[in-house]
C-alpha atoms as a PDB file:
ATOM      1  CA  MET A   1     -20.675   1.009  11.709  1.00  0.00           C
ATOM      2  CA  LYS A   2     -18.399  -0.066  14.536  1.00  0.00           C
ATOM      3  CA  VAL A   3     -14.896   1.370  14.250  1.00  0.00           C
ATOM      4  CA  GLN A   4     -13.674  -1.334  16.644  1.00  0.00           C
ATOM      5  CA  SER A   5     -14.502  -3.970  14.012  1.00  0.00           C
ATOM      6  CA  ILE A   6     -12.092  -2.445  11.474  1.00  0.00           C
ATOM      7  CA  ARG A   7      -8.926  -4.520  11.197  1.00  0.00           C
ATOM      8  CA  PHE A   8      -5.534  -3.438   9.894  1.00  0.00           C
ATOM      9  CA  CYS A   9      -3.181  -5.740   7.996  1.00  0.00           C
ATOM     10  CA  ASP A  10       0.461  -5.239   7.025  1.00  0.00           C
ATOM     11  CA  ARG A  11       0.697  -8.150   4.601  1.00  0.00           C
ATOM     12  CA  GLY A  12       0.619  -6.697   1.092  1.00  0.00           C
ATOM     13  CA  ALA A  13       0.580 -10.144  -0.477  1.00  0.00           C
ATOM     14  CA  ASP A  14      -2.961 -10.618   0.883  1.00  0.00           C
ATOM     15  CA  LEU A  15      -4.299  -7.557  -0.923  1.00  0.00           C
ATOM     16  CA  ASP A  16      -6.960  -7.954  -3.605  1.00  0.00           C
ATOM     17  CA  LEU A  17      -5.721  -5.666  -6.401  1.00  0.00           C
ATOM     18  CA  TYR A  18      -9.214  -5.232  -7.838  1.00  0.00           C
ATOM     19  CA  GLN A  19     -10.514  -3.983  -4.491  1.00  0.00           C
ATOM     20  CA  LEU A  20      -7.508  -1.669  -4.279  1.00  0.00           C
ATOM     21  CA  GLN A  21      -8.208  -0.291  -7.751  1.00  0.00           C
ATOM     22  CA  THR A  22     -11.852   0.300  -6.801  1.00  0.00           C
ATOM     23  CA  LEU A  23     -10.853   2.081  -3.569  1.00  0.00           C
ATOM     24  CA  LEU A  24      -8.387   4.339  -5.385  1.00  0.00           C
ATOM     25  CA  ASN A  25     -10.896   5.173  -8.124  1.00  0.00           C
ATOM     26  CA  LYS A  26     -13.554   6.037  -5.551  1.00  0.00           C
ATOM     27  CA  SER A  27     -11.577   7.920  -2.920  1.00  0.00           C
ATOM     28  CA  ALA A  28      -8.222   9.073  -4.337  1.00  0.00           C
ATOM     29  CA  PHE A  29      -8.480  11.688  -7.090  1.00  0.00           C
ATOM     30  CA  TRP A  30      -4.700  11.437  -7.617  1.00  0.00           C
ATOM     31  CA  ALA A  31      -4.796   7.691  -8.292  1.00  0.00           C
ATOM     32  CA  ILE A  32      -7.781   7.263 -10.599  1.00  0.00           C
ATOM     33  CA  ASP A  33      -7.339   4.785 -13.448  1.00  0.00           C
ATOM     34  CA  ARG A  34      -4.258   3.037 -12.115  1.00  0.00           C
ATOM     35  CA  GLN A  35      -3.857  -0.302 -13.865  1.00  0.00           C
ATOM     36  CA  ILE A  36      -3.866  -3.650 -12.037  1.00  0.00           C
ATOM     37  CA  GLU A  37      -0.474  -4.629 -13.507  1.00  0.00           C
ATOM     38  CA  ASP A  38       1.083  -1.365 -12.289  1.00  0.00           C
ATOM     39  CA  LEU A  39      -0.474  -1.689  -8.835  1.00  0.00           C
ATOM     40  CA  LYS A  40       1.050  -5.161  -8.519  1.00  0.00           C
ATOM     41  CA  ILE A  41       4.512  -3.813  -9.365  1.00  0.00           C
ATOM     42  CA  ALA A  42       4.142  -0.941  -6.879  1.00  0.00           C
ATOM     43  CA  LEU A  43       3.037  -3.296  -4.096  1.00  0.00           C
ATOM     44  CA  ASP A  44       5.798  -5.802  -4.844  1.00  0.00           C
ATOM     45  CA  ARG A  45       8.374  -3.012  -4.443  1.00  0.00           C
ATOM     46  CA  SER A  46       6.884  -1.466  -1.301  1.00  0.00           C
ATOM     47  CA  GLU A  47       7.201  -2.336   2.366  1.00  0.00           C
ATOM     48  CA  PRO A  48       5.233  -1.870   4.449  1.00  0.00           C
ATOM     49  CA  VAL A  49       1.928  -2.186   2.658  1.00  0.00           C
ATOM     50  CA  VAL A  50      -0.882  -1.553   5.134  1.00  0.00           C
ATOM     51  CA  SER A  51      -4.572  -2.072   4.510  1.00  0.00           C
ATOM     52  CA  ALA A  52      -7.744  -1.508   6.536  1.00  0.00           C
ATOM     53  CA  TRP A  53     -10.720  -3.819   6.299  1.00  0.00           C
ATOM     54  CA  ASP A  54     -14.371  -3.778   7.286  1.00  0.00           C
ATOM     55  CA  GLN A  55     -14.966  -7.511   7.230  1.00  0.00           C
ATOM     56  CA  GLU A  56     -14.019  -8.456   3.635  1.00  0.00           C
ATOM     57  CA  LYS A  57     -14.196  -4.923   2.220  1.00  0.00           C
ATOM     58  CA  LEU A  58     -10.981  -2.958   1.678  1.00  0.00           C
ATOM     59  CA  ILE A  59     -11.584   0.505   3.151  1.00  0.00           C
ATOM     60  CA  GLY A  60      -8.050   1.864   3.603  1.00  0.00           C
ATOM     61  CA  PHE A  61      -4.601   1.594   2.131  1.00  0.00           C
ATOM     62  CA  ALA A  62      -1.106   3.044   2.471  1.00  0.00           C
ATOM     63  CA  ARG A  63       2.335   1.929   1.414  1.00  0.00           C
ATOM     64  CA  ALA A  64       5.928   3.023   1.878  1.00  0.00           C
ATOM     65  CA  THR A  65       9.351   2.524   0.404  1.00  0.00           C
ATOM     66  CA  SER A  66      12.432   2.642   2.591  1.00  0.00           C
ATOM     67  CA  ASP A  67      16.101   1.823   2.860  1.00  0.00           C
ATOM     68  CA  GLY A  68      15.356   0.981   6.506  1.00  0.00           C
ATOM     69  CA  ILE A  69      17.839   3.419   8.035  1.00  0.00           C
ATOM     70  CA  TYR A  70      18.163   6.815   6.326  1.00  0.00           C
ATOM     71  CA  ARG A  71      15.134   7.602   4.180  1.00  0.00           C
ATOM     72  CA  ALA A  72      11.598   6.425   3.589  1.00  0.00           C
ATOM     73  CA  THR A  73       8.587   7.779   1.755  1.00  0.00           C
ATOM     74  CA  ILE A  74       4.931   7.125   2.473  1.00  0.00           C
ATOM     75  CA  TRP A  75       2.697   6.791  -0.586  1.00  0.00           C
ATOM     76  CA  ASP A  76      -0.957   6.434  -1.498  1.00  0.00           C
ATOM     77  CA  VAL A  77      -2.662   6.988   1.856  1.00  0.00           C
ATOM     78  CA  VAL A  78      -6.387   6.600   1.271  1.00  0.00           C
ATOM     79  CA  ILE A  79      -9.502   5.849   3.306  1.00  0.00           C
ATOM     80  CA  ASP A  80     -12.808   5.029   1.609  1.00  0.00           C
ATOM     81  CA  SER A  81     -14.868   8.224   1.535  1.00  0.00           C
ATOM     82  CA  ASP A  82     -17.673   6.442   3.426  1.00  0.00           C
ATOM     83  CA  TYR A  83     -15.271   5.779   6.339  1.00  0.00           C
ATOM     84  CA  GLN A  84     -13.507   9.121   6.640  1.00  0.00           C
ATOM     85  CA  ARG A  85     -13.533  11.290   9.787  1.00  0.00           C
ATOM     86  CA  LEU A  86     -13.503   8.231  12.085  1.00  0.00           C
ATOM     87  CA  GLY A  87      -9.797   8.252  12.999  1.00  0.00           C
ATOM     88  CA  LEU A  88      -8.975   5.458  10.573  1.00  0.00           C
ATOM     89  CA  GLY A  89      -6.557   7.567   8.505  1.00  0.00           C
ATOM     90  CA  ARG A  90      -4.585   8.341  11.662  1.00  0.00           C
ATOM     91  CA  LYS A  91      -4.481   4.659  12.609  1.00  0.00           C
ATOM     92  CA  LEU A  92      -3.432   3.744   9.056  1.00  0.00           C
ATOM     93  CA  VAL A  93      -0.486   6.168   9.037  1.00  0.00           C
ATOM     94  CA  GLU A  94       0.520   5.218  12.593  1.00  0.00           C
ATOM     95  CA  THR A  95       0.555   1.550  11.548  1.00  0.00           C
ATOM     96  CA  VAL A  96       2.905   2.403   8.672  1.00  0.00           C
ATOM     97  CA  LEU A  97       5.174   4.434  10.962  1.00  0.00           C
ATOM     98  CA  LYS A  98       5.397   1.647  13.572  1.00  0.00           C
ATOM     99  CA  HIS A  99       6.340  -1.022  11.042  1.00  0.00           C
ATOM    100  CA  PRO A 100       9.871  -2.462  11.557  1.00  0.00           C
ATOM    101  CA  CYS A 101      10.947  -1.156   8.118  1.00  0.00           C
ATOM    102  CA  MET A 102      10.103   2.370   9.220  1.00  0.00           C
ATOM    103  CA  GLU A 103      10.677   2.703  12.954  1.00  0.00           C
ATOM    104  CA  CYS A 104      14.446   3.364  12.776  1.00  0.00           C
ATOM    105  CA  VAL A 105      14.472   5.575   9.670  1.00  0.00           C
ATOM    106  CA  GLU A 106      16.114   8.977  10.069  1.00  0.00           C
ATOM    107  CA  ARG A 107      13.628  10.864   7.829  1.00  0.00           C
ATOM    108  CA  ILE A 108      10.237   9.918   6.454  1.00  0.00           C
ATOM    109  CA  TYR A 109       8.817  11.918   3.578  1.00  0.00           C
ATOM    110  CA  LEU A 110       5.405  12.142   1.978  1.00  0.00           C
ATOM    111  CA  THR A 111       3.837  14.265  -0.701  1.00  0.00           C
ATOM    112  CA  THR A 112       0.383  15.709  -0.241  1.00  0.00           C
ATOM    113  CA  THR A 113      -1.491  18.486  -1.945  1.00  0.00           C
ATOM    114  CA  HIS A 114      -4.667  18.727   0.131  1.00  0.00           C
ATOM    115  CA  GLN A 115      -4.102  17.168   3.547  1.00  0.00           C
ATOM    116  CA  GLN A 116      -1.204  19.052   5.105  1.00  0.00           C
ATOM    117  CA  SER A 117      -3.047  19.816   8.351  1.00  0.00           C
ATOM    118  CA  PHE A 118      -3.940  16.137   8.811  1.00  0.00           C
ATOM    119  CA  TYR A 119      -0.293  15.109   8.557  1.00  0.00           C
ATOM    120  CA  GLU A 120       0.878  17.999  10.738  1.00  0.00           C
ATOM    121  CA  ARG A 121      -1.386  16.666  13.518  1.00  0.00           C
ATOM    122  CA  LEU A 122       0.510  13.370  13.189  1.00  0.00           C
ATOM    123  CA  GLY A 123       3.875  15.108  13.621  1.00  0.00           C
ATOM    124  CA  PHE A 124       4.904  15.745  10.014  1.00  0.00           C
ATOM    125  CA  LEU A 125       6.459  19.141   9.322  1.00  0.00           C
ATOM    126  CA  PRO A 126       6.255  21.240   6.158  1.00  0.00           C
ATOM    127  CA  ASN A 127       9.461  20.860   4.155  1.00  0.00           C
ATOM    128  CA  SER A 128      10.289  23.333   1.425  1.00  0.00           C
ATOM    129  CA  SER A 129      13.814  22.049   0.852  1.00  0.00           C
ATOM    130  CA  THR A 130      12.823  18.939  -1.148  1.00  0.00           C
ATOM    131  CA  THR A 131      10.856  20.381  -4.016  1.00  0.00           C
ATOM    132  CA  MET A 132      12.532  18.875  -7.050  1.00  0.00           C
ATOM    133  CA  VAL A 133      11.146  16.033  -9.116  1.00  0.00           C
ATOM    134  CA  PHE A 134      12.411  14.014 -12.066  1.00  0.00           C
ATOM    135  CA  LYS A 135       9.778  12.432 -14.309  1.00  0.00           C
ATOM    136  CA  PRO A 136      11.542  10.050 -16.688  1.00  0.00           C
ATOM    137  CA  ALA A 137       8.413   8.120 -17.747  1.00  0.00           C
ATOM    138  CA  ALA A 138       6.451  11.302 -18.437  1.00  0.00           C
ATOM    139  CA  GLU A 139       9.348  12.721 -20.453  1.00  0.00           C
ATOM    140  CA  ARG A 140       9.584   9.574 -22.594  1.00  0.00           C
ATOM    141  CA  LEU A 141       5.845   9.662 -23.284  1.00  0.00           C
ATOM    142  CA  ARG A 142       6.001  13.319 -24.276  1.00  0.00           C
ATOM    143  CA  GLN A 143       8.848  12.656 -26.699  1.00  0.00           C
ATOM    144  CA  GLN A 144       6.988   9.723 -28.293  1.00  0.00           C
ATOM    145  CA  SER A 145       3.732  11.605 -28.863  1.00  0.00           C
ATOM    146  CA  PRO A 146       3.209  13.012 -32.373  1.00  0.00           C
ATOM    147  CA  ASP A 147       3.339  16.812 -32.644  1.00  0.00           C
END
């Protein structure tokens, strides 16, 4: 495999949602079983959406949400397990960070449970001051389930 032949794209509208679902199911334990309809909504509300391709095969993906000036969050960074350890994850995140929606943002956040050292090598710092989460959808589902 030639790493030079991998191309990166920042046009989310060009993304095949079925290939994205397959990539997430294969290489992202935290995103298994995401539904096509939900992926479409997430992509429609994200910018940038960056993908990595080996010819016509989707092998990498990341997205972000941002107000363009104060805060942004990077989501769903994944490289196909067959393509890991080639520097493609670094290139994927750097492509997100260099996007016009991200380059002037004061703070960029991400959540990771297993890859802290990878992100630290890219300049991200551990941050213990933003540890709260609100889960409205999960709470609604819990209340609707029979006891």
